[in-house]
N, C-alpha and C. Protein backbone atom coordinates (compact mmCIF):
# COMPACT_ATOMS: atom_id res chain seq x y z
N LEU A 1 8.25 7.63 -1.44
CA LEU A 1 7.04 8.61 -1.74
C LEU A 1 7.14 9.84 -1.14
N TRP A 2 8.42 9.66 -0.18
CA TRP A 2 8.27 11.23 0.71
C TRP A 2 8.44 12.32 -0.55
N ASP A 3 9.79 11.52 -1.78
CA ASP A 3 9.79 12.86 -2.72
C ASP A 3 8.96 13.30 -3.16
N ILE A 4 7.78 12.89 -3.43
CA ILE A 4 6.37 13.10 -4.14
C ILE A 4 5.15 13.64 -3.49
N GLY A 5 5.56 13.70 -1.87
CA GLY A 5 4.50 14.41 -0.88
C GLY A 5 3.30 13.34 -0.60
N TYR A 6 3.63 11.75 -0.87
CA TYR A 6 2.99 10.69 -0.96
C TYR A 6 2.10 10.55 -1.46
N ALA A 7 1.94 10.89 -2.91
CA ALA A 7 1.13 11.31 -3.69
C ALA A 7 0.11 9.94 -3.79
N LYS A 8 -1.05 10.07 -4.25
CA LYS A 8 -1.83 9.18 -4.28
C LYS A 8 -2.61 9.21 -5.48
N THR A 9 -2.33 9.85 -6.73
CA THR A 9 -2.59 9.96 -7.96
C THR A 9 -1.57 10.45 -9.03
N TRP A 10 -1.80 9.39 -10.09
CA TRP A 10 -0.38 9.71 -11.11
C TRP A 10 -0.45 10.93 -11.43
N GLU A 11 -1.63 12.03 -11.53
CA GLU A 11 -1.22 13.35 -11.52
C GLU A 11 -0.50 14.06 -10.69
N GLU A 12 -0.61 13.99 -9.41
CA GLU A 12 0.22 14.47 -8.26
C GLU A 12 1.42 14.15 -8.38
N ALA A 13 1.73 12.42 -8.40
CA ALA A 13 2.83 12.18 -8.64
C ALA A 13 3.66 13.09 -9.64
N THR A 14 2.89 12.99 -10.87
CA THR A 14 3.87 13.75 -12.30
C THR A 14 4.07 14.94 -11.92
N LEU A 15 3.59 15.97 -11.08
CA LEU A 15 3.32 17.13 -11.06
C LEU A 15 4.81 17.87 -9.87
N LEU A 16 5.14 16.67 -9.19
CA LEU A 16 6.33 16.55 -8.20
C LEU A 16 7.57 15.73 -8.43
N LEU A 17 7.44 15.55 -10.14
CA LEU A 17 8.48 14.56 -10.37
C LEU A 17 10.10 14.80 -10.63
N ASP A 18 10.39 16.21 -10.46
CA ASP A 18 11.08 16.83 -10.39
C ASP A 18 12.03 16.74 -8.78
N ASP A 19 11.13 16.27 -8.08
CA ASP A 19 11.51 16.39 -6.91
C ASP A 19 11.97 14.80 -6.04
N LEU A 20 11.76 14.05 -7.25
CA LEU A 20 12.25 12.75 -6.90
C LEU A 20 13.29 12.22 -6.56
N TYR A 21 14.03 11.97 -5.85
CA TYR A 21 15.44 11.66 -5.30
C TYR A 21 16.42 12.75 -5.29
N ALA A 22 15.71 14.04 -5.33
CA ALA A 22 16.62 15.57 -4.84
C ALA A 22 17.11 15.72 -3.88
N ALA A 23 16.68 15.14 -2.84
CA ALA A 23 17.02 15.17 -1.38
C ALA A 23 16.57 13.81 -0.59
N ARG A 24 17.18 13.82 0.72
CA ARG A 24 16.45 12.88 1.35
C ARG A 24 15.99 13.17 2.66
N PRO A 25 15.07 12.47 2.86
CA PRO A 25 14.00 12.82 3.89
C PRO A 25 15.03 12.84 5.19
N PRO A 26 14.23 13.31 6.20
CA PRO A 26 14.69 13.05 7.56
C PRO A 26 14.64 12.33 7.92
N ILE A 27 15.94 11.74 9.00
CA ILE A 27 16.17 10.62 9.70
C ILE A 27 14.91 10.40 10.46
N GLU A 28 13.86 11.50 11.10
CA GLU A 28 12.94 11.39 11.80
C GLU A 28 11.61 10.65 11.06
N ASP A 29 11.78 11.23 9.74
CA ASP A 29 10.11 10.49 9.09
C ASP A 29 10.59 9.17 8.69
N PHE A 30 11.75 9.22 8.49
CA PHE A 30 11.95 7.67 8.17
C PHE A 30 11.70 6.84 9.13
N LEU A 31 12.19 6.76 10.34
CA LEU A 31 11.74 6.44 11.51
C LEU A 31 10.42 6.40 12.28
N GLU A 32 9.91 7.50 11.94
CA GLU A 32 8.31 7.55 11.87
C GLU A 32 7.76 6.64 11.06
N TRP A 33 7.77 6.40 9.79
CA TRP A 33 7.66 5.45 8.90
C TRP A 33 7.70 4.03 9.71
N ARG A 34 9.01 4.05 9.82
CA ARG A 34 9.31 2.47 9.77
C ARG A 34 9.01 2.09 11.25
N ASP A 35 8.50 2.68 12.24
CA ASP A 35 7.53 2.78 13.42
C ASP A 35 6.52 2.13 13.16
N GLU A 36 5.68 3.07 12.16
CA GLU A 36 4.28 2.91 12.18
C GLU A 36 3.79 1.60 10.83
N ARG A 37 4.57 1.72 10.21
CA ARG A 37 3.92 0.91 8.97
C ARG A 37 5.10 -0.55 8.36
N VAL A 38 6.01 -0.42 8.89
CA VAL A 38 6.98 -2.03 8.16
C VAL A 38 6.38 -2.90 8.54
N LEU A 39 5.95 -3.46 9.66
CA LEU A 39 4.93 -4.07 9.69
C LEU A 39 4.05 -4.64 8.79
N GLU A 40 3.57 -3.85 8.79
CA GLU A 40 2.08 -3.78 7.95
C GLU A 40 2.47 -3.71 6.55
N GLU A 41 3.45 -3.37 6.35
CA GLU A 41 4.18 -3.38 4.61
C GLU A 41 4.69 -5.01 4.54
N CYS A 42 5.01 -5.48 5.33
CA CYS A 42 5.50 -6.88 5.26
C CYS A 42 4.52 -7.66 4.99
N HIS A 43 3.33 -7.39 6.25
CA HIS A 43 2.30 -8.22 5.98
C HIS A 43 1.58 -8.38 4.47
N TRP A 44 1.50 -6.80 3.84
CA TRP A 44 0.92 -6.51 2.51
C TRP A 44 2.00 -7.66 1.58
N TYR A 45 3.14 -7.50 1.66
CA TYR A 45 3.65 -8.53 0.66
C TYR A 45 3.66 -10.04 0.66
N GLY A 46 3.62 -10.12 1.67
CA GLY A 46 3.31 -11.63 2.11
C GLY A 46 1.93 -11.78 1.61
N TRP A 47 1.43 -10.86 1.68
CA TRP A 47 -0.05 -11.04 1.02
C TRP A 47 0.05 -11.16 -0.85
N PHE A 48 0.66 -10.61 -1.18
CA PHE A 48 0.74 -10.19 -2.57
C PHE A 48 1.41 -11.46 -3.39
N ILE A 49 2.30 -11.97 -2.03
CA ILE A 49 3.21 -13.29 -2.99
C ILE A 49 2.20 -14.50 -2.52
N ASP A 50 1.49 -14.36 -1.59
CA ASP A 50 0.80 -15.69 -1.69
C ASP A 50 -0.54 -15.59 -2.80
N TYR A 51 -0.86 -14.34 -3.25
CA TYR A 51 -1.83 -14.14 -4.34
C TYR A 51 -1.11 -14.76 -5.45
N TRP A 52 -0.32 -14.66 -5.45
CA TRP A 52 0.69 -15.01 -7.22
C TRP A 52 1.07 -16.61 -7.03
N MET A 53 1.97 -17.15 -5.56
CA MET A 53 1.71 -18.66 -5.46
C MET A 53 0.77 -19.29 -5.53
N GLU A 54 -0.50 -19.02 -5.22
CA GLU A 54 -1.64 -19.84 -5.25
C GLU A 54 -2.35 -19.85 -6.32
N GLY A 55 -1.79 -18.87 -7.20
CA GLY A 55 -2.52 -18.79 -8.89
C GLY A 55 -3.36 -17.81 -9.01
N GLY A 56 -3.41 -17.16 -8.42
CA GLY A 56 -4.53 -15.56 -8.37
C GLY A 56 -5.51 -15.97 -7.42
N LEU A 57 -5.76 -16.88 -6.23
CA LEU A 57 -6.76 -17.30 -5.31
C LEU A 57 -7.06 -15.43 -4.90
N MET A 58 -8.16 -15.17 -5.05
CA MET A 58 -8.48 -13.93 -4.02
C MET A 58 -8.74 -14.34 -2.31
N ARG A 59 -7.88 -13.91 -2.06
CA ARG A 59 -8.21 -13.91 -0.36
C ARG A 59 -8.30 -12.62 0.42
N ASP A 60 -8.92 -12.29 1.71
CA ASP A 60 -8.88 -11.15 1.89
C ASP A 60 -7.31 -10.92 2.58
N MET A 61 -7.15 -9.96 2.33
CA MET A 61 -5.86 -9.41 2.88
C MET A 61 -5.56 -9.37 4.46
N PHE A 62 -6.66 -9.13 5.00
CA PHE A 62 -6.54 -9.08 6.60
C PHE A 62 -6.79 -10.63 7.59
N THR A 63 -7.53 -11.23 6.95
CA THR A 63 -8.28 -12.57 7.45
C THR A 63 -7.65 -13.52 6.82
N HIS A 64 -7.01 -13.53 5.27
CA HIS A 64 -6.39 -14.52 4.74
C HIS A 64 -7.70 -15.44 4.31
N LYS A 65 -9.01 -15.07 4.48
CA LYS A 65 -10.12 -16.12 3.73
C LYS A 65 -10.62 -15.82 2.35
N ILE A 66 -11.01 -17.00 1.68
CA ILE A 66 -11.57 -16.35 0.53
C ILE A 66 -12.25 -15.72 0.23
N THR A 67 -12.55 -14.56 -0.84
CA THR A 67 -13.48 -13.28 -0.35
C THR A 67 -14.18 -13.27 -1.50
N THR A 68 -15.18 -12.42 -1.71
CA THR A 68 -16.15 -12.45 -3.05
C THR A 68 -15.16 -11.20 -4.22
N PRO A 69 -15.75 -11.24 -5.55
CA PRO A 69 -15.13 -10.45 -6.32
C PRO A 69 -15.44 -8.71 -6.15
N GLU A 70 -16.23 -8.73 -5.43
CA GLU A 70 -16.65 -6.89 -5.01
C GLU A 70 -15.75 -6.84 -3.85
N HIS A 71 -15.57 -7.47 -3.02
CA HIS A 71 -14.68 -7.10 -1.93
C HIS A 71 -13.36 -7.16 -2.65
N TRP A 72 -12.86 -7.90 -3.42
CA TRP A 72 -11.12 -8.12 -3.68
C TRP A 72 -11.29 -6.95 -4.52
N ASN A 73 -12.33 -6.22 -5.45
CA ASN A 73 -12.07 -4.72 -6.16
C ASN A 73 -12.26 -3.81 -5.05
N MET A 74 -12.33 -3.89 -3.68
CA MET A 74 -12.25 -2.97 -2.85
C MET A 74 -10.90 -2.87 -2.42
N LEU A 75 -10.25 -4.10 -2.30
CA LEU A 75 -9.03 -4.33 -1.84
C LEU A 75 -8.06 -3.61 -2.91
N MET A 76 -8.43 -3.63 -3.80
CA MET A 76 -7.47 -3.38 -5.16
C MET A 76 -7.34 -1.60 -5.19
N VAL A 77 -8.32 -1.00 -4.03
CA VAL A 77 -8.10 0.46 -4.44
C VAL A 77 -8.15 0.89 -3.01
N PRO A 78 -6.91 0.49 -2.36
CA PRO A 78 -6.77 0.83 -0.69
C PRO A 78 -6.60 2.16 -0.38
N THR A 79 -6.69 2.87 -1.22
CA THR A 79 -6.61 4.98 -0.94
C THR A 79 -8.03 5.39 -1.11
N ALA A 80 -8.74 4.15 -1.56
CA ALA A 80 -10.59 4.84 -1.56
C ALA A 80 -11.11 4.46 -0.53
N TRP A 81 -10.91 3.65 0.63
CA TRP A 81 -11.37 2.79 1.67
C TRP A 81 -10.54 2.76 2.93
N THR A 82 -11.15 2.58 4.18
CA THR A 82 -10.07 2.88 5.41
C THR A 82 -10.28 1.59 5.75
N VAL A 83 -9.10 1.28 6.55
CA VAL A 83 -9.05 -0.09 6.64
C VAL A 83 -10.27 -0.74 7.54
N ASP A 84 -11.02 -0.23 8.48
CA ASP A 84 -12.33 -0.68 9.18
C ASP A 84 -13.11 -1.20 7.98
N GLU A 85 -13.50 -0.16 6.94
CA GLU A 85 -14.41 -0.57 5.42
C GLU A 85 -14.17 -1.73 4.81
N LEU A 86 -12.57 -1.87 5.10
CA LEU A 86 -11.92 -3.11 4.35
C LEU A 86 -12.14 -4.40 4.91
N ARG A 87 -12.40 -4.39 6.54
CA ARG A 87 -12.20 -5.96 6.69
C ARG A 87 -13.85 -5.75 7.04
């Protein structure tokens, strides 16, 4: 994502496609991402695996409780909502 400026849309990413894999990010950027996000990313991947292992059971990614279709749809567009709004 660093390569394409952390684009949030397909259009943004497409504009920066030539930058993909053109350079390595500074190690400081990686360390900052790692320290801020890696545990959150692991948690998210675990939730994603649970979803498929449970046959598509809609669970809240924060509480792991079964959720409503409306809340599930909010979870599927994470850049549209803050973490507090999703909880």
